[in-house]
């Protein structure tokens, strides 16, 4: 078997359907959201929730998450928009790339809280149900960076090095042609995180937000080492990129929550009347989809 010398970048990240631009970055986000909602619905119903509730809450969660992700990106990378020669209006151009996961999770969580509160759904079990889907959505969304030829790593000669067109290479790297495919590393890591959460949730019957906390903790571990490979400009503090420090703080917070929550509220909670679906006939054997995961 002959391995490829490198991974080629897409020739196009935008296609035109008449006057309408179809952007790969946006498509990746949309597909990721669809998959996350689909998987979240299955897990929520398996926990005893009503079908359709995840979709309803997502109408609040997704817009809040996109806005939060963009705000975080602009705040932590203001130079292209408000620095010398910056273009402030482009801070609104989400389709050009630039969504920070920390802002997306934080403000998306606010949207989820609003949606859950309006529907009478407890937030912790809802977060547990959607956690693996969020990780898979991130895995799919990272391919948007691939199509935009952005957020890649340092130069490398590895067989899976990513080819980057000259127009997208950083200044001073005109000699290098292949770079670390950090989008692929993170995508594979996110899939592993989703599998870990699903397994741990089945094995230990995680409740009270612990499945979500496990997703956050596992993701931050991967983000830490992948961030160290990236070559895009970033603010540094004590030798580490800003996102590394955020990962450390979020990791410690999520692990602390796992420990404290397990001690104070062991086991898995039951859903209230507003969130719970009608109970099936006790004489009927539940299908695999109905078994809580």
Protein backbone atom coordinates (compact mmCIF):
# COMPACT_ATOMS: atom_id res chain seq x y z
CA UNK A 1 0.00 0.00 0.00
CA UNK A 2 1.42 3.35 -1.06
CA UNK A 3 0.74 6.16 1.40
CA UNK A 4 0.04 9.64 0.01
CA UNK A 5 2.88 12.14 0.26
CA UNK A 6 0.51 14.68 1.81
CA UNK A 7 -3.14 15.66 2.22
CA UNK A 8 -4.30 18.06 -0.50
CA UNK A 9 -6.40 21.05 0.44
CA UNK A 10 -9.71 21.59 -1.38
CA UNK A 11 -9.52 23.61 -4.55
CA UNK A 12 -12.64 25.53 -3.56
CA UNK A 13 -14.36 26.41 -0.31
CA UNK A 14 -17.25 28.23 -1.99
CA UNK A 15 -19.53 27.15 -4.81
CA UNK A 16 -22.09 29.33 -6.55
CA UNK A 17 -25.64 28.29 -7.29
CA UNK A 18 -26.40 31.13 -9.64
CA UNK A 19 -25.88 34.32 -7.58
CA UNK A 20 -26.07 32.40 -4.28
CA UNK A 21 -22.75 31.38 -2.68
CA UNK A 22 -22.71 27.94 -1.05
CA UNK A 23 -19.94 27.96 1.55
CA UNK A 24 -18.37 24.74 2.80
CA UNK A 25 -17.74 26.30 6.23
CA UNK A 26 -21.45 27.00 6.70
CA UNK A 27 -22.42 23.57 5.39
CA UNK A 28 -20.12 21.87 7.91
CA UNK A 29 -21.71 23.83 10.76
CA UNK A 30 -25.23 23.02 9.55
CA UNK A 31 -24.49 19.31 9.15
CA UNK A 32 -22.86 19.26 12.60
CA UNK A 33 -25.94 20.86 14.17
CA UNK A 34 -28.28 18.40 12.45
CA UNK A 35 -26.27 15.40 13.65
CA UNK A 36 -26.01 16.81 17.18
CA UNK A 37 -29.78 17.40 17.41
CA UNK A 38 -30.55 13.95 15.97
CA UNK A 39 -28.26 12.16 18.43
CA UNK A 40 -29.40 14.38 21.29
CA UNK A 41 -33.04 13.54 20.56
CA UNK A 42 -32.34 9.81 20.65
CA UNK A 43 -30.46 10.05 23.93
CA UNK A 44 -33.01 12.38 25.50
CA UNK A 45 -35.92 10.09 24.63
CA UNK A 46 -33.92 7.10 25.92
CA UNK A 47 -33.57 8.94 29.24
CA UNK A 48 -37.33 9.38 29.40
CA UNK A 49 -37.73 12.80 27.78
CA UNK A 50 -40.32 13.76 25.20
CA UNK A 51 -39.51 13.57 21.51
CA UNK A 52 -39.02 16.98 19.91
CA UNK A 53 -37.80 18.75 23.02
CA UNK A 54 -34.15 18.78 21.95
CA UNK A 55 -35.13 20.34 18.63
CA UNK A 56 -37.18 22.98 20.44
CA UNK A 57 -34.37 23.89 22.82
CA UNK A 58 -31.89 23.91 19.91
CA UNK A 59 -33.75 26.86 18.39
CA UNK A 60 -32.41 28.85 21.35
CA UNK A 61 -29.13 27.06 21.89
CA UNK A 62 -27.73 27.13 18.35
CA UNK A 63 -28.11 30.87 17.60
CA UNK A 64 -26.75 31.75 21.05
CA UNK A 65 -23.84 29.36 20.49
CA UNK A 66 -22.92 30.83 17.11
CA UNK A 67 -23.06 34.38 18.48
CA UNK A 68 -21.02 33.39 21.53
CA UNK A 69 -18.44 31.61 19.40
CA UNK A 70 -18.01 34.65 17.20
CA UNK A 71 -17.77 37.05 20.13
CA UNK A 72 -15.05 34.93 21.74
CA UNK A 73 -13.11 34.80 18.47
CA UNK A 74 -13.28 38.54 17.91
CA UNK A 75 -12.34 39.36 21.51
CA UNK A 76 -9.34 37.01 21.54
CA UNK A 77 -8.25 37.82 17.96
CA UNK A 78 -9.14 41.50 17.50
CA UNK A 79 -6.25 42.50 15.21
CA UNK A 80 -7.86 41.51 11.85
CA UNK A 81 -10.90 43.61 12.72
CA UNK A 82 -9.79 46.47 14.93
CA UNK A 83 -6.00 46.54 14.57
CA UNK A 84 -3.96 48.57 12.14
CA UNK A 85 -5.54 48.13 8.73
CA UNK A 86 -8.31 46.00 10.25
CA UNK A 87 -11.79 45.71 8.82
CA UNK A 88 -14.35 46.09 11.64
CA UNK A 89 -17.31 45.10 9.49
CA UNK A 90 -15.71 41.71 8.85
CA UNK A 91 -16.24 40.86 12.52
CA UNK A 92 -19.77 40.00 11.35
CA UNK A 93 -18.59 37.77 8.49
CA UNK A 94 -18.99 34.44 10.24
CA UNK A 95 -18.80 32.56 6.94
CA UNK A 96 -15.14 33.53 6.61
CA UNK A 97 -14.33 31.38 9.66
CA UNK A 98 -13.68 32.16 13.28
CA UNK A 99 -15.87 30.60 15.96
CA UNK A 100 -14.34 30.06 19.39
CA UNK A 101 -15.60 26.89 21.07
CA UNK A 102 -15.42 28.38 24.56
CA UNK A 103 -17.74 31.23 23.65
CA UNK A 104 -20.02 28.87 21.75
CA UNK A 105 -20.39 26.52 24.72
CA UNK A 106 -20.79 29.36 27.24
CA UNK A 107 -23.42 31.38 25.40
CA UNK A 108 -24.95 28.24 23.89
CA UNK A 109 -25.43 27.08 27.46
CA UNK A 110 -27.34 30.28 28.19
CA UNK A 111 -29.56 29.58 25.19
CA UNK A 112 -30.09 26.00 26.37
CA UNK A 113 -31.02 27.28 29.85
CA UNK A 114 -33.59 29.65 28.37
CA UNK A 115 -35.05 26.94 26.14
CA UNK A 116 -35.16 24.39 28.95
CA UNK A 117 -36.74 26.86 31.35
CA UNK A 118 -39.46 27.72 28.84
CA UNK A 119 -40.25 24.01 28.39
CA UNK A 120 -39.95 23.00 32.05
CA UNK A 121 -36.91 20.81 31.36
CA UNK A 122 -34.12 20.40 33.95
CA UNK A 123 -30.87 21.57 32.40
CA UNK A 124 -28.35 19.02 33.85
CA UNK A 125 -29.92 15.85 32.34
CA UNK A 126 -30.55 17.71 29.10
CA UNK A 127 -26.86 18.66 28.96
CA UNK A 128 -25.92 15.04 29.60
CA UNK A 129 -28.09 13.90 26.71
CA UNK A 130 -26.65 16.32 24.16
CA UNK A 131 -22.98 16.16 25.21
CA UNK A 132 -21.78 13.48 22.72
CA UNK A 133 -23.66 15.19 19.90
CA UNK A 134 -21.86 18.46 20.60
CA UNK A 135 -18.52 16.67 20.33
CA UNK A 136 -19.51 15.12 17.00
CA UNK A 137 -20.75 18.50 15.76
CA UNK A 138 -17.32 19.93 16.58
CA UNK A 139 -15.69 17.07 14.66
CA UNK A 140 -17.75 17.86 11.58
CA UNK A 141 -17.34 21.61 11.98
CA UNK A 142 -13.54 21.34 11.94
CA UNK A 143 -13.75 20.36 8.29
CA UNK A 144 -14.92 23.92 7.68
CA UNK A 145 -11.41 25.00 8.69
CA UNK A 146 -10.06 22.48 6.18
CA UNK A 147 -12.06 24.04 3.34
CA UNK A 148 -11.02 27.54 4.43
CA UNK A 149 -7.36 26.46 4.75
CA UNK A 150 -7.10 27.98 8.21
CA UNK A 151 -6.04 27.07 11.75
CA UNK A 152 -3.48 24.51 10.57
CA UNK A 153 -0.30 23.67 12.44
CA UNK A 154 3.41 24.17 12.02
CA UNK A 155 5.34 22.97 8.94
CA UNK A 156 5.87 19.22 8.80
CA UNK A 157 7.26 16.59 6.49
CA UNK A 158 4.97 13.83 7.78
CA UNK A 159 3.12 11.78 5.14
CA UNK A 160 -0.18 13.21 6.36
CA UNK A 161 1.03 16.80 6.19
CA UNK A 162 -1.60 19.20 4.86
CA UNK A 163 -0.93 21.11 1.66
CA UNK A 164 -1.70 24.82 2.01
CA UNK A 165 -1.94 27.17 -0.98
CA UNK A 166 0.56 30.08 -0.96
CA UNK A 167 -2.20 32.63 -0.43
CA UNK A 168 -3.14 30.97 2.87
CA UNK A 169 0.34 30.37 4.26
CA UNK A 170 1.65 32.52 7.11
CA UNK A 171 4.24 35.22 6.44
CA UNK A 172 7.76 33.82 6.45
CA UNK A 173 6.68 30.29 5.54
CA UNK A 174 6.93 30.54 1.77
CA UNK A 175 9.35 27.59 1.64
CA UNK A 176 7.10 25.18 3.55
CA UNK A 177 4.27 23.57 1.62
CA UNK A 178 2.83 21.03 4.09
CA UNK A 179 1.65 21.68 7.64
CA UNK A 180 0.25 19.78 10.60
CA UNK A 181 -3.44 18.99 9.85
CA UNK A 182 -4.69 20.14 13.24
CA UNK A 183 -8.26 20.20 11.93
CA UNK A 184 -8.01 16.44 11.41
CA UNK A 185 -6.38 15.82 14.79
CA UNK A 186 -9.13 17.66 16.59
CA UNK A 187 -11.87 16.06 14.52
CA UNK A 188 -10.63 12.56 15.38
CA UNK A 189 -10.17 13.56 19.04
CA UNK A 190 -13.74 14.87 19.19
CA UNK A 191 -15.10 11.59 17.83
CA UNK A 192 -13.12 9.79 20.53
CA UNK A 193 -14.55 12.13 23.17
CA UNK A 194 -18.10 11.38 21.98
CA UNK A 195 -17.41 7.63 22.16
CA UNK A 196 -15.91 8.01 25.66
CA UNK A 197 -18.94 9.92 26.96
CA UNK A 198 -21.42 7.42 25.49
CA UNK A 199 -19.48 4.50 26.98
CA UNK A 200 -19.07 6.11 30.42
CA UNK A 201 -22.70 7.17 30.47
CA UNK A 202 -23.84 3.60 29.81
CA UNK A 203 -21.30 2.06 32.18
CA UNK A 204 -21.73 4.40 35.15
CA UNK A 205 -25.18 5.91 34.49
CA UNK A 206 -23.88 9.45 34.75
CA UNK A 207 -26.35 12.06 35.88
CA UNK A 208 -26.70 15.62 37.18
CA UNK A 209 -24.55 17.06 34.37
CA UNK A 210 -21.61 14.69 34.82
CA UNK A 211 -21.70 13.36 31.25
CA UNK A 212 -21.44 16.94 30.02
CA UNK A 213 -18.61 17.65 32.46
CA UNK A 214 -16.77 14.55 31.20
CA UNK A 215 -17.13 15.80 27.62
CA UNK A 216 -15.69 19.18 28.60
CA UNK A 217 -12.77 17.66 30.52
CA UNK A 218 -11.88 15.19 27.76
CA UNK A 219 -12.11 17.85 25.07
CA UNK A 220 -9.82 20.25 26.90
CA UNK A 221 -7.11 17.58 27.18
CA UNK A 222 -7.05 17.20 23.42
CA UNK A 223 -7.34 20.91 22.77
CA UNK A 224 -4.27 21.48 24.93
CA UNK A 225 -1.85 19.38 22.86
CA UNK A 226 -3.43 20.30 19.52
CA UNK A 227 -3.20 24.00 20.38
CA UNK A 228 0.55 23.55 20.89
CA UNK A 229 0.87 22.47 17.24
CA UNK A 230 -0.99 25.40 15.71
CA UNK A 231 0.81 28.11 13.80
CA UNK A 232 -1.85 30.84 13.61
CA UNK A 233 -1.17 34.05 15.58
CA UNK A 234 -2.39 34.01 19.17
CA UNK A 235 -1.92 35.92 22.40
CA UNK A 236 0.51 34.27 24.81
CA UNK A 237 0.72 34.37 28.59
CA UNK A 238 3.76 32.94 30.39
CA UNK A 239 4.76 31.10 27.25
CA UNK A 240 1.38 29.45 26.59
CA UNK A 241 -1.27 30.37 24.08
CA UNK A 242 -4.41 31.92 25.54
CA UNK A 243 -6.52 28.92 24.58
CA UNK A 244 -4.14 26.66 26.48
CA UNK A 245 -4.77 28.63 29.66
CA UNK A 246 -8.51 28.54 29.05
CA UNK A 247 -8.28 24.77 28.55
CA UNK A 248 -6.44 24.35 31.85
CA UNK A 249 -8.96 26.42 33.80
CA UNK A 250 -11.97 24.72 32.18
CA UNK A 251 -10.43 21.27 32.70
CA UNK A 252 -9.88 21.89 36.40
CA UNK A 253 -13.39 23.26 36.78
CA UNK A 254 -15.03 20.33 35.01
CA UNK A 255 -13.03 17.72 36.98
CA UNK A 256 -13.91 19.49 40.24
CA UNK A 257 -17.58 19.40 39.23
CA UNK A 258 -17.36 15.68 38.44
CA UNK A 259 -15.91 14.89 41.87
CA UNK A 260 -18.18 17.15 43.93
CA UNK A 261 -21.32 16.22 42.00
CA UNK A 262 -20.65 12.48 42.32
CA UNK A 263 -20.33 12.85 46.09
CA UNK A 264 -23.34 15.09 46.62
CA UNK A 265 -25.73 13.61 44.05
CA UNK A 266 -24.77 10.03 43.20
CA UNK A 267 -26.74 8.17 40.56
CA UNK A 268 -28.91 9.54 37.80
CA UNK A 269 -31.85 11.85 38.36
CA UNK A 270 -35.40 11.22 37.15
CA UNK A 271 -37.17 13.70 34.91
CA UNK A 272 -40.06 15.81 36.09
CA UNK A 273 -43.56 15.57 34.67
CA UNK A 274 -43.02 18.42 32.18
CA UNK A 275 -39.97 16.77 30.61
CA UNK A 276 -40.84 13.08 30.91
CA UNK A 277 -42.49 11.23 28.07
CA UNK A 278 -45.51 9.04 28.60
CA UNK A 279 -44.34 5.78 30.13
CA UNK A 280 -44.49 2.75 27.80
CA UNK A 281 -46.65 -0.26 28.50
CA UNK A 282 -44.84 -2.12 31.33
CA UNK A 283 -45.54 -5.40 29.60
CA UNK A 284 -43.69 -4.33 26.44
CA UNK A 285 -39.98 -4.95 26.05
CA UNK A 286 -38.22 -1.65 25.24
CA UNK A 287 -36.23 -1.38 22.06
CA UNK A 288 -32.54 -0.58 22.05
CA UNK A 289 -33.35 3.07 21.31
CA UNK A 290 -35.46 3.28 24.47
CA UNK A 291 -32.81 1.91 26.82
CA UNK A 292 -31.23 4.86 28.71
CA UNK A 293 -27.69 5.57 27.57
